[in-house]
Amino acid sequence: MPHTRPVLIVVALALALSSLGVRAGEASFRLTSPTIKPNSTLSNEQVFNAFGCSGQNVSPALQWSGAPAGTKSFALTVYDPDAPTGSGWWHWVVYNIPATVTELAAHAGNPGGKLPSGAVQGRTDFGSAGYGGPCPPAGDKPHRYIFTVYALKTDKLDVPGDATAAFVGFMIHGSRIGSASFTARYGR
């Protein structure tokens, strides 16, 4: 019976994590950025340059680690749930990122930026593919921008080139085995 106690502790920990909605492997899956700290205010470097905003519209450098076993590819999204649309606003969608990749460099989502081989940028709510930074309506409370990397159980998402961000999101969630995210804010 001396080995029963460690087994009970492991079972209790697994039950506690499952009650919190944490899947196995997700507890160590992390998304970070060398330029954006969680819950910080986004800098003018990431802000959109249109619609009354005059930012530099640079996609940030992002890094992730601790992906769950069985990860075959990654997808990345940046989403504003506070946009006054009734459905939020998709600012960046990248998918088919190879499982060997653990970062995107700054400017990767901009024209001329370097994405990993095979990675695809989906159409955002700005109407085109590529990074589109924050630009909430003037006077709104600061909006939340949720940066999320998804570990997927498939090598490739099979979506049409003109697919909406919502369609790509549907396909991401159908293949998701883990995710990691952080939120930053911006208002004007």
N, C-alpha and C. Protein backbone atom coordinates (compact mmCIF):
# COMPACT_ATOMS: atom_id res chain seq x y z
N MET A 1 0.79 -1.21 0.00
CA MET A 1 0.00 0.00 0.00
C MET A 1 0.83 1.27 0.00
N PRO A 2 2.19 1.24 0.13
CA PRO A 2 2.93 2.48 0.19
C PRO A 2 2.88 3.26 -1.12
N HIS A 3 2.59 2.63 -2.24
CA HIS A 3 2.54 3.32 -3.53
C HIS A 3 1.16 3.89 -3.83
N THR A 4 0.19 3.62 -3.02
CA THR A 4 -1.18 4.09 -3.25
C THR A 4 -1.27 5.60 -3.12
N ARG A 5 -0.58 6.17 -2.17
CA ARG A 5 -0.67 7.62 -1.93
C ARG A 5 -0.24 8.44 -3.14
N PRO A 6 0.93 8.18 -3.79
CA PRO A 6 1.30 8.96 -4.97
C PRO A 6 0.28 8.82 -6.11
N VAL A 7 -0.28 7.64 -6.28
CA VAL A 7 -1.29 7.43 -7.32
C VAL A 7 -2.53 8.28 -7.02
N LEU A 8 -2.95 8.29 -5.77
CA LEU A 8 -4.10 9.10 -5.38
C LEU A 8 -3.85 10.59 -5.61
N ILE A 9 -2.64 11.04 -5.34
CA ILE A 9 -2.30 12.45 -5.56
C ILE A 9 -2.37 12.79 -7.04
N VAL A 10 -1.85 11.92 -7.89
CA VAL A 10 -1.89 12.15 -9.35
C VAL A 10 -3.33 12.17 -9.84
N VAL A 11 -4.14 11.24 -9.36
CA VAL A 11 -5.55 11.20 -9.77
C VAL A 11 -6.27 12.46 -9.30
N ALA A 12 -6.01 12.89 -8.07
CA ALA A 12 -6.65 14.10 -7.55
C ALA A 12 -6.23 15.33 -8.35
N LEU A 13 -4.96 15.41 -8.72
CA LEU A 13 -4.49 16.53 -9.53
C LEU A 13 -5.16 16.52 -10.91
N ALA A 14 -5.25 15.36 -11.53
CA ALA A 14 -5.90 15.26 -12.84
C ALA A 14 -7.37 15.69 -12.76
N LEU A 15 -8.05 15.27 -11.71
CA LEU A 15 -9.45 15.66 -11.54
C LEU A 15 -9.57 17.16 -11.31
N ALA A 16 -8.66 17.72 -10.53
CA ALA A 16 -8.70 19.16 -10.27
C ALA A 16 -8.48 19.95 -11.55
N LEU A 17 -7.52 19.53 -12.34
CA LEU A 17 -7.26 20.23 -13.61
C LEU A 17 -8.44 20.10 -14.56
N SER A 18 -9.04 18.92 -14.62
CA SER A 18 -10.17 18.76 -15.54
C SER A 18 -11.36 19.60 -15.08
N SER A 19 -11.52 19.77 -13.77
CA SER A 19 -12.63 20.59 -13.30
C SER A 19 -12.40 22.07 -13.61
N LEU A 20 -11.15 22.46 -13.83
CA LEU A 20 -10.84 23.83 -14.21
C LEU A 20 -10.88 24.03 -15.72
N GLY A 21 -11.14 22.96 -16.45
CA GLY A 21 -11.21 23.06 -17.91
C GLY A 21 -9.83 23.00 -18.57
N VAL A 22 -8.82 22.55 -17.85
CA VAL A 22 -7.48 22.44 -18.41
C VAL A 22 -7.27 21.04 -18.93
N ARG A 23 -6.96 20.92 -20.19
CA ARG A 23 -6.68 19.61 -20.77
C ARG A 23 -5.25 19.21 -20.46
N ALA A 24 -4.98 17.92 -20.50
CA ALA A 24 -3.63 17.44 -20.31
C ALA A 24 -2.72 18.08 -21.35
N GLY A 25 -1.58 18.55 -20.95
CA GLY A 25 -0.64 19.18 -21.86
C GLY A 25 -0.83 20.68 -22.00
N GLU A 26 -2.02 21.19 -21.72
CA GLU A 26 -2.24 22.62 -21.89
C GLU A 26 -1.62 23.43 -20.77
N ALA A 27 -1.45 22.84 -19.60
CA ALA A 27 -0.93 23.58 -18.46
C ALA A 27 0.45 24.15 -18.75
N SER A 28 1.25 23.47 -19.60
CA SER A 28 2.60 23.95 -19.89
C SER A 28 2.70 24.66 -21.24
N PHE A 29 1.63 24.69 -22.02
CA PHE A 29 1.63 25.35 -23.32
C PHE A 29 1.53 26.85 -23.08
N ARG A 30 2.52 27.61 -23.57
CA ARG A 30 2.59 29.05 -23.30
C ARG A 30 2.82 29.85 -24.57
N LEU A 31 2.21 31.02 -24.63
CA LEU A 31 2.44 31.99 -25.70
C LEU A 31 2.98 33.26 -25.06
N THR A 32 4.11 33.77 -25.59
CA THR A 32 4.70 34.99 -25.07
C THR A 32 5.12 35.88 -26.23
N SER A 33 5.48 37.10 -25.89
CA SER A 33 5.99 38.05 -26.87
C SER A 33 7.10 38.87 -26.21
N PRO A 34 8.20 39.10 -26.92
CA PRO A 34 9.24 39.94 -26.34
C PRO A 34 8.85 41.42 -26.29
N THR A 35 7.80 41.81 -27.02
CA THR A 35 7.40 43.22 -27.06
C THR A 35 6.06 43.52 -26.43
N ILE A 36 5.23 42.51 -26.21
CA ILE A 36 3.91 42.71 -25.61
C ILE A 36 3.81 41.88 -24.35
N LYS A 37 3.57 42.54 -23.26
CA LYS A 37 3.37 41.84 -21.99
C LYS A 37 1.87 41.62 -21.78
N PRO A 38 1.49 40.48 -21.20
CA PRO A 38 0.08 40.23 -20.94
C PRO A 38 -0.56 41.37 -20.14
N ASN A 39 -1.77 41.73 -20.52
CA ASN A 39 -2.56 42.79 -19.89
C ASN A 39 -1.96 44.19 -20.03
N SER A 40 -0.99 44.34 -20.93
CA SER A 40 -0.40 45.66 -21.17
C SER A 40 -1.19 46.40 -22.24
N THR A 41 -0.81 47.65 -22.47
CA THR A 41 -1.38 48.45 -23.55
C THR A 41 -0.49 48.28 -24.77
N LEU A 42 -1.10 47.97 -25.91
CA LEU A 42 -0.34 47.81 -27.14
C LEU A 42 0.30 49.14 -27.53
N SER A 43 1.49 49.07 -28.09
CA SER A 43 2.20 50.28 -28.48
C SER A 43 1.77 50.73 -29.87
N ASN A 44 2.11 51.94 -30.23
CA ASN A 44 1.79 52.49 -31.54
C ASN A 44 2.38 51.64 -32.66
N GLU A 45 3.42 50.88 -32.36
CA GLU A 45 4.03 50.01 -33.37
C GLU A 45 3.01 48.97 -33.87
N GLN A 46 2.15 48.45 -33.01
CA GLN A 46 1.18 47.43 -33.42
C GLN A 46 -0.13 48.02 -33.93
N VAL A 47 -0.41 49.29 -33.71
CA VAL A 47 -1.68 49.92 -34.06
C VAL A 47 -1.84 50.08 -35.57
N PHE A 48 -3.07 49.90 -36.04
CA PHE A 48 -3.42 50.01 -37.46
C PHE A 48 -3.12 51.41 -37.98
N ASN A 49 -2.95 51.53 -39.29
CA ASN A 49 -2.66 52.83 -39.90
C ASN A 49 -3.75 53.17 -40.92
N ALA A 50 -4.96 53.36 -40.44
CA ALA A 50 -6.13 53.74 -41.25
C ALA A 50 -7.30 53.89 -40.29
N PHE A 51 -8.48 54.19 -40.81
CA PHE A 51 -9.69 54.35 -39.99
C PHE A 51 -9.50 55.39 -38.88
N GLY A 52 -8.65 56.38 -39.09
CA GLY A 52 -8.41 57.39 -38.08
C GLY A 52 -7.26 57.07 -37.14
N CYS A 53 -6.65 55.92 -37.28
CA CYS A 53 -5.49 55.56 -36.46
C CYS A 53 -4.22 55.79 -37.28
N SER A 54 -3.14 56.11 -36.61
CA SER A 54 -1.89 56.39 -37.33
C SER A 54 -0.73 55.60 -36.73
N GLY A 55 -0.95 54.29 -36.57
CA GLY A 55 0.11 53.43 -36.04
C GLY A 55 1.01 52.91 -37.15
N GLN A 56 1.93 52.06 -36.77
CA GLN A 56 2.87 51.47 -37.73
C GLN A 56 2.38 50.13 -38.27
N ASN A 57 1.36 49.55 -37.65
CA ASN A 57 0.74 48.30 -38.10
C ASN A 57 1.75 47.16 -38.26
N VAL A 58 2.65 47.00 -37.30
CA VAL A 58 3.66 45.94 -37.34
C VAL A 58 3.15 44.74 -36.54
N SER A 59 3.13 43.58 -37.17
CA SER A 59 2.76 42.37 -36.43
C SER A 59 3.87 42.08 -35.41
N PRO A 60 3.49 41.73 -34.18
CA PRO A 60 4.49 41.54 -33.13
C PRO A 60 5.21 40.20 -33.24
N ALA A 61 6.38 40.14 -32.65
CA ALA A 61 7.08 38.87 -32.51
C ALA A 61 6.34 38.04 -31.46
N LEU A 62 6.14 36.77 -31.75
CA LEU A 62 5.44 35.86 -30.84
C LEU A 62 6.24 34.57 -30.72
N GLN A 63 6.22 33.98 -29.53
CA GLN A 63 6.94 32.73 -29.28
C GLN A 63 6.05 31.81 -28.45
N TRP A 64 6.14 30.51 -28.69
CA TRP A 64 5.37 29.56 -27.89
C TRP A 64 6.23 28.35 -27.56
N SER A 65 5.82 27.68 -26.48
CA SER A 65 6.55 26.50 -26.00
C SER A 65 5.59 25.58 -25.27
N GLY A 66 6.02 24.34 -25.08
CA GLY A 66 5.23 23.38 -24.31
C GLY A 66 4.00 22.85 -25.02
N ALA A 67 4.04 22.76 -26.35
CA ALA A 67 2.88 22.25 -27.10
C ALA A 67 2.56 20.82 -26.68
N PRO A 68 1.29 20.46 -26.72
CA PRO A 68 0.90 19.10 -26.33
C PRO A 68 1.46 18.04 -27.28
N ALA A 69 1.66 16.85 -26.76
CA ALA A 69 2.07 15.71 -27.59
C ALA A 69 1.03 15.52 -28.69
N GLY A 70 1.49 15.16 -29.86
CA GLY A 70 0.58 14.93 -30.98
C GLY A 70 0.33 16.16 -31.83
N THR A 71 0.98 17.29 -31.50
CA THR A 71 0.81 18.50 -32.30
C THR A 71 1.43 18.29 -33.67
N LYS A 72 0.63 18.54 -34.73
CA LYS A 72 1.11 18.38 -36.11
C LYS A 72 1.24 19.72 -36.83
N SER A 73 0.59 20.75 -36.31
CA SER A 73 0.74 22.10 -36.86
C SER A 73 0.18 23.09 -35.85
N PHE A 74 0.38 24.37 -36.15
CA PHE A 74 -0.14 25.44 -35.29
C PHE A 74 -0.97 26.41 -36.12
N ALA A 75 -1.82 27.13 -35.43
CA ALA A 75 -2.55 28.27 -36.02
C ALA A 75 -2.49 29.39 -35.00
N LEU A 76 -2.58 30.61 -35.48
CA LEU A 76 -2.50 31.78 -34.61
C LEU A 76 -3.61 32.74 -34.98
N THR A 77 -4.26 33.31 -33.98
CA THR A 77 -5.28 34.33 -34.23
C THR A 77 -5.09 35.51 -33.29
N VAL A 78 -5.53 36.68 -33.74
CA VAL A 78 -5.65 37.85 -32.89
C VAL A 78 -7.08 38.33 -33.07
N TYR A 79 -7.80 38.43 -31.97
CA TYR A 79 -9.23 38.68 -31.99
C TYR A 79 -9.60 39.76 -30.97
N ASP A 80 -10.49 40.68 -31.38
CA ASP A 80 -11.02 41.73 -30.50
C ASP A 80 -12.49 41.43 -30.22
N PRO A 81 -12.81 40.91 -29.03
CA PRO A 81 -14.21 40.60 -28.72
C PRO A 81 -15.04 41.84 -28.41
N ASP A 82 -14.39 43.01 -28.26
CA ASP A 82 -15.09 44.23 -27.88
C ASP A 82 -15.50 45.11 -29.06
N ALA A 83 -15.13 44.71 -30.28
CA ALA A 83 -15.47 45.51 -31.46
C ALA A 83 -17.00 45.64 -31.56
N PRO A 84 -17.49 46.82 -31.92
CA PRO A 84 -18.94 47.03 -31.97
C PRO A 84 -19.58 46.49 -33.25
N THR A 85 -19.43 45.18 -33.42
CA THR A 85 -19.97 44.52 -34.62
C THR A 85 -21.04 43.49 -34.29
N GLY A 86 -21.10 43.09 -33.04
CA GLY A 86 -21.97 42.00 -32.65
C GLY A 86 -21.27 40.66 -32.73
N SER A 87 -20.11 40.62 -33.39
CA SER A 87 -19.37 39.36 -33.53
C SER A 87 -17.88 39.53 -33.32
N GLY A 88 -17.43 40.67 -32.81
CA GLY A 88 -16.00 40.88 -32.61
C GLY A 88 -15.29 41.23 -33.91
N TRP A 89 -13.97 41.21 -33.88
CA TRP A 89 -13.16 41.58 -35.06
C TRP A 89 -11.90 40.74 -35.09
N TRP A 90 -11.67 40.07 -36.23
CA TRP A 90 -10.48 39.25 -36.44
C TRP A 90 -9.38 40.14 -37.03
N HIS A 91 -8.26 40.25 -36.31
CA HIS A 91 -7.15 41.11 -36.72
C HIS A 91 -6.01 40.36 -37.41
N TRP A 92 -5.91 39.05 -37.14
CA TRP A 92 -4.84 38.27 -37.77
C TRP A 92 -5.19 36.81 -37.66
N VAL A 93 -5.01 36.08 -38.75
CA VAL A 93 -5.27 34.65 -38.80
C VAL A 93 -4.13 34.01 -39.59
N VAL A 94 -3.39 33.12 -38.96
CA VAL A 94 -2.30 32.39 -39.62
C VAL A 94 -2.49 30.91 -39.31
N TYR A 95 -2.42 30.08 -40.32
CA TYR A 95 -2.59 28.65 -40.09
C TYR A 95 -1.62 27.85 -40.96
N ASN A 96 -1.59 26.54 -40.75
CA ASN A 96 -0.65 25.63 -41.41
C ASN A 96 0.79 25.98 -41.06
N ILE A 97 1.00 26.44 -39.83
CA ILE A 97 2.35 26.68 -39.32
C ILE A 97 2.91 25.31 -38.93
N PRO A 98 4.06 24.91 -39.50
CA PRO A 98 4.59 23.57 -39.20
C PRO A 98 4.84 23.36 -37.70
N ALA A 99 4.71 22.12 -37.26
CA ALA A 99 4.89 21.78 -35.84
C ALA A 99 6.30 22.05 -35.34
N THR A 100 7.27 22.17 -36.24
CA THR A 100 8.65 22.44 -35.85
C THR A 100 8.88 23.91 -35.55
N VAL A 101 7.93 24.77 -35.86
CA VAL A 101 8.06 26.22 -35.67
C VAL A 101 7.53 26.60 -34.29
N THR A 102 8.27 27.45 -33.59
CA THR A 102 7.84 27.89 -32.26
C THR A 102 7.86 29.41 -32.12
N GLU A 103 7.91 30.12 -33.25
CA GLU A 103 7.87 31.58 -33.16
C GLU A 103 7.56 32.19 -34.52
N LEU A 104 7.03 33.41 -34.45
CA LEU A 104 6.88 34.25 -35.62
C LEU A 104 7.63 35.54 -35.32
N ALA A 105 8.45 35.97 -36.26
CA ALA A 105 9.23 37.20 -36.08
C ALA A 105 8.33 38.42 -36.23
N ALA A 106 8.76 39.54 -35.67
CA ALA A 106 8.07 40.81 -35.91
C ALA A 106 8.04 41.04 -37.41
N HIS A 107 6.97 41.63 -37.90
CA HIS A 107 6.74 41.92 -39.32
C HIS A 107 6.32 40.69 -40.13
N ALA A 108 6.23 39.50 -39.52
CA ALA A 108 5.87 38.29 -40.28
C ALA A 108 4.52 38.43 -40.96
N GLY A 109 3.61 39.17 -40.36
CA GLY A 109 2.26 39.32 -40.92
C GLY A 109 2.09 40.52 -41.83
N ASN A 110 3.18 41.22 -42.10
CA ASN A 110 3.12 42.42 -42.94
C ASN A 110 3.56 42.11 -44.37
N PRO A 111 3.19 42.94 -45.34
CA PRO A 111 3.67 42.73 -46.72
C PRO A 111 5.19 42.63 -46.72
N GLY A 112 5.69 41.60 -47.37
CA GLY A 112 7.13 41.36 -47.41
C GLY A 112 7.66 40.64 -46.19
N GLY A 113 6.80 40.38 -45.19
CA GLY A 113 7.22 39.67 -43.99
C GLY A 113 7.49 38.21 -44.28
N LYS A 114 8.24 37.58 -43.42
CA LYS A 114 8.63 36.20 -43.64
C LYS A 114 7.87 35.26 -42.72
N LEU A 115 6.92 34.53 -43.31
CA LEU A 115 6.22 33.47 -42.59
C LEU A 115 6.97 32.16 -42.80
N PRO A 116 6.81 31.20 -41.88
CA PRO A 116 7.41 29.88 -42.10
C PRO A 116 6.88 29.24 -43.38
N SER A 117 7.69 28.42 -44.01
CA SER A 117 7.29 27.73 -45.23
C SER A 117 6.02 26.93 -44.99
N GLY A 118 5.03 27.11 -45.85
CA GLY A 118 3.76 26.41 -45.75
C GLY A 118 2.68 27.15 -44.99
N ALA A 119 3.07 28.13 -44.17
CA ALA A 119 2.09 28.88 -43.39
C ALA A 119 1.27 29.78 -44.30
N VAL A 120 -0.01 29.95 -43.94
CA VAL A 120 -0.94 30.73 -44.75
C VAL A 120 -1.61 31.78 -43.85
N GLN A 121 -1.73 33.00 -44.35
CA GLN A 121 -2.48 34.03 -43.65
C GLN A 121 -3.88 34.06 -44.21
N GLY A 122 -4.86 33.97 -43.33
CA GLY A 122 -6.25 34.03 -43.74
C GLY A 122 -6.75 35.47 -43.80
N ARG A 123 -7.89 35.62 -44.43
CA ARG A 123 -8.52 36.93 -44.56
C ARG A 123 -9.03 37.40 -43.20
N THR A 124 -8.74 38.64 -42.86
CA THR A 124 -9.21 39.22 -41.60
C THR A 124 -10.48 40.02 -41.85
N ASP A 125 -10.99 40.64 -40.80
CA ASP A 125 -12.18 41.47 -40.96
C ASP A 125 -11.88 42.80 -41.65
N PHE A 126 -10.62 43.08 -41.92
CA PHE A 126 -10.28 44.23 -42.75
C PHE A 126 -10.50 43.92 -44.23
N GLY A 127 -10.73 42.63 -44.55
CA GLY A 127 -11.04 42.22 -45.91
C GLY A 127 -9.87 41.62 -46.68
N SER A 128 -8.72 41.54 -46.05
CA SER A 128 -7.56 40.97 -46.74
C SER A 128 -6.74 40.12 -45.78
N ALA A 129 -5.80 39.37 -46.33
CA ALA A 129 -4.92 38.56 -45.51
C ALA A 129 -3.81 39.43 -44.94
N GLY A 130 -3.30 39.06 -43.78
CA GLY A 130 -2.20 39.78 -43.16
C GLY A 130 -2.64 40.43 -41.87
N TYR A 131 -1.65 40.90 -41.13
CA TYR A 131 -1.89 41.52 -39.84
C TYR A 131 -2.57 42.87 -40.02
N GLY A 132 -3.60 43.12 -39.22
CA GLY A 132 -4.25 44.42 -39.14
C GLY A 132 -4.36 44.79 -37.67
N GLY A 133 -3.64 45.78 -37.26
CA GLY A 133 -3.56 46.15 -35.85
C GLY A 133 -4.83 46.76 -35.29
N PRO A 134 -4.83 47.03 -33.99
CA PRO A 134 -6.00 47.60 -33.35
C PRO A 134 -6.28 49.04 -33.80
N CYS A 135 -7.56 49.36 -33.85
CA CYS A 135 -8.01 50.72 -34.13
C CYS A 135 -9.46 50.83 -33.69
N PRO A 136 -9.69 50.77 -32.38
CA PRO A 136 -11.08 50.83 -31.90
C PRO A 136 -11.65 52.23 -32.11
N PRO A 137 -12.97 52.35 -32.11
CA PRO A 137 -13.57 53.68 -32.25
C PRO A 137 -13.08 54.63 -31.16
N ALA A 138 -12.84 55.87 -31.55
CA ALA A 138 -12.42 56.89 -30.58
C ALA A 138 -13.50 57.02 -29.50
N GLY A 139 -13.06 57.09 -28.26
CA GLY A 139 -13.98 57.25 -27.14
C GLY A 139 -14.46 55.95 -26.52
N ASP A 140 -14.28 54.80 -27.22
CA ASP A 140 -14.62 53.51 -26.63
C ASP A 140 -13.68 53.22 -25.47
N LYS A 141 -14.14 52.40 -24.54
CA LYS A 141 -13.22 51.90 -23.51
C LYS A 141 -12.14 51.09 -24.24
N PRO A 142 -10.96 50.92 -23.65
CA PRO A 142 -9.94 50.13 -24.31
C PRO A 142 -10.46 48.73 -24.65
N HIS A 143 -10.17 48.30 -25.87
CA HIS A 143 -10.58 46.97 -26.32
C HIS A 143 -9.54 45.94 -25.92
N ARG A 144 -10.00 44.69 -25.81
CA ARG A 144 -9.11 43.56 -25.52
C ARG A 144 -8.69 42.91 -26.85
N TYR A 145 -7.42 42.60 -26.97
CA TYR A 145 -6.90 41.91 -28.14
C TYR A 145 -6.31 40.60 -27.65
N ILE A 146 -6.95 39.50 -28.05
CA ILE A 146 -6.59 38.18 -27.56
C ILE A 146 -5.71 37.51 -28.60
N PHE A 147 -4.45 37.28 -28.23
CA PHE A 147 -3.48 36.59 -29.07
C PHE A 147 -3.51 35.12 -28.65
N THR A 148 -3.80 34.22 -29.60
CA THR A 148 -3.92 32.80 -29.27
C THR A 148 -3.18 31.95 -30.29
N VAL A 149 -2.39 31.01 -29.79
CA VAL A 149 -1.78 29.99 -30.64
C VAL A 149 -2.49 28.68 -30.33
N TYR A 150 -2.82 27.95 -31.38
CA TYR A 150 -3.52 26.67 -31.25
C TYR A 150 -2.61 25.54 -31.72
N ALA A 151 -2.52 24.48 -30.95
CA ALA A 151 -1.86 23.25 -31.36
C ALA A 151 -2.93 22.40 -32.04
N LEU A 152 -2.63 21.93 -33.24
CA LEU A 152 -3.61 21.19 -34.03
C LEU A 152 -3.18 19.75 -34.26
N LYS A 153 -4.17 18.86 -34.41
CA LYS A 153 -3.90 17.44 -34.63
C LYS A 153 -3.77 17.09 -36.11
N THR A 154 -3.74 18.09 -36.97
CA THR A 154 -3.61 17.86 -38.41
C THR A 154 -2.45 18.69 -38.95
N ASP A 155 -1.81 18.17 -40.01
CA ASP A 155 -0.69 18.90 -40.62
C ASP A 155 -1.14 20.16 -41.33
N LYS A 156 -2.37 20.12 -41.83
CA LYS A 156 -2.83 21.22 -42.68
C LYS A 156 -4.35 21.37 -42.55
N LEU A 157 -4.79 22.63 -42.46
CA LEU A 157 -6.23 22.91 -42.53
C LEU A 157 -6.58 23.10 -43.99
N ASP A 158 -7.56 22.40 -44.44
CA ASP A 158 -7.98 22.48 -45.84
C ASP A 158 -9.12 23.49 -45.95
N VAL A 159 -8.76 24.74 -46.22
CA VAL A 159 -9.76 25.80 -46.33
C VAL A 159 -9.55 26.55 -47.64
N PRO A 160 -10.62 27.06 -48.23
CA PRO A 160 -10.47 27.85 -49.46
C PRO A 160 -9.67 29.12 -49.21
N GLY A 161 -8.99 29.61 -50.22
CA GLY A 161 -8.17 30.80 -50.10
C GLY A 161 -8.93 32.05 -49.69
N ASP A 162 -10.22 32.10 -50.01
CA ASP A 162 -11.02 33.29 -49.68
C ASP A 162 -11.89 33.07 -48.43
N ALA A 163 -11.55 32.05 -47.64
CA ALA A 163 -12.35 31.73 -46.45
C ALA A 163 -12.33 32.89 -45.46
N THR A 164 -13.45 33.09 -44.80
CA THR A 164 -13.52 34.11 -43.75
C THR A 164 -12.74 33.65 -42.53
N ALA A 165 -12.42 34.60 -41.67
CA ALA A 165 -11.73 34.26 -40.42
C ALA A 165 -12.60 33.33 -39.57
N ALA A 166 -13.91 33.53 -39.59
CA ALA A 166 -14.81 32.67 -38.82
C ALA A 166 -14.76 31.23 -39.33
N PHE A 167 -14.68 31.07 -40.66
CA PHE A 167 -14.59 29.72 -41.23
C PHE A 167 -13.28 29.06 -40.82
N VAL A 168 -12.18 29.81 -40.91
CA VAL A 168 -10.88 29.26 -40.49
C VAL A 168 -10.94 28.93 -39.00
N GLY A 169 -11.55 29.81 -38.20
CA GLY A 169 -11.69 29.54 -36.78
C GLY A 169 -12.47 28.25 -36.50
N PHE A 170 -13.50 28.01 -37.28
CA PHE A 170 -14.27 26.78 -37.15
C PHE A 170 -13.38 25.56 -37.41
N MET A 171 -12.55 25.65 -38.45
CA MET A 171 -11.66 24.54 -38.78
C MET A 171 -10.57 24.38 -37.71
N ILE A 172 -10.07 25.48 -37.18
CA ILE A 172 -9.08 25.43 -36.10
C ILE A 172 -9.67 24.69 -34.90
N HIS A 173 -10.87 25.10 -34.49
CA HIS A 173 -11.47 24.48 -33.31
C HIS A 173 -11.80 23.01 -33.51
N GLY A 174 -12.05 22.60 -34.74
CA GLY A 174 -12.30 21.19 -35.02
C GLY A 174 -11.06 20.33 -34.93
N SER A 175 -9.87 20.94 -35.02
CA SER A 175 -8.61 20.20 -34.98
C SER A 175 -7.77 20.53 -33.75
N ARG A 176 -8.29 21.32 -32.86
CA ARG A 176 -7.55 21.81 -31.70
C ARG A 176 -7.29 20.72 -30.67
N ILE A 177 -6.01 20.63 -30.23
CA ILE A 177 -5.69 19.76 -29.11
C ILE A 177 -5.13 20.56 -27.93
N GLY A 178 -4.91 21.84 -28.15
CA GLY A 178 -4.43 22.71 -27.07
C GLY A 178 -4.36 24.14 -27.55
N SER A 179 -4.31 25.06 -26.61
CA SER A 179 -4.16 26.47 -26.98
C SER A 179 -3.50 27.21 -25.83
N ALA A 180 -2.89 28.34 -26.21
CA ALA A 180 -2.27 29.23 -25.23
C ALA A 180 -2.53 30.65 -25.70
N SER A 181 -2.79 31.55 -24.77
CA SER A 181 -3.11 32.91 -25.19
C SER A 181 -2.71 33.94 -24.13
N PHE A 182 -2.69 35.18 -24.56
CA PHE A 182 -2.57 36.31 -23.66
C PHE A 182 -3.39 37.45 -24.25
N THR A 183 -3.74 38.40 -23.42
CA THR A 183 -4.56 39.53 -23.83
C THR A 183 -3.80 40.82 -23.58
N ALA A 184 -3.89 41.74 -24.55
CA ALA A 184 -3.38 43.10 -24.39
C ALA A 184 -4.53 44.05 -24.72
N ARG A 185 -4.37 45.32 -24.42
CA ARG A 185 -5.47 46.28 -24.63
C ARG A 185 -5.00 47.49 -25.43
N TYR A 186 -5.99 48.16 -26.02
CA TYR A 186 -5.70 49.41 -26.70
C TYR A 186 -6.99 50.22 -26.80
N GLY A 187 -6.90 51.50 -26.54
CA GLY A 187 -8.03 52.40 -26.67
C GLY A 187 -7.53 53.75 -27.14
N ARG A 188 -8.47 54.57 -27.63
CA ARG A 188 -8.09 55.92 -28.05
C ARG A 188 -9.24 56.88 -27.83
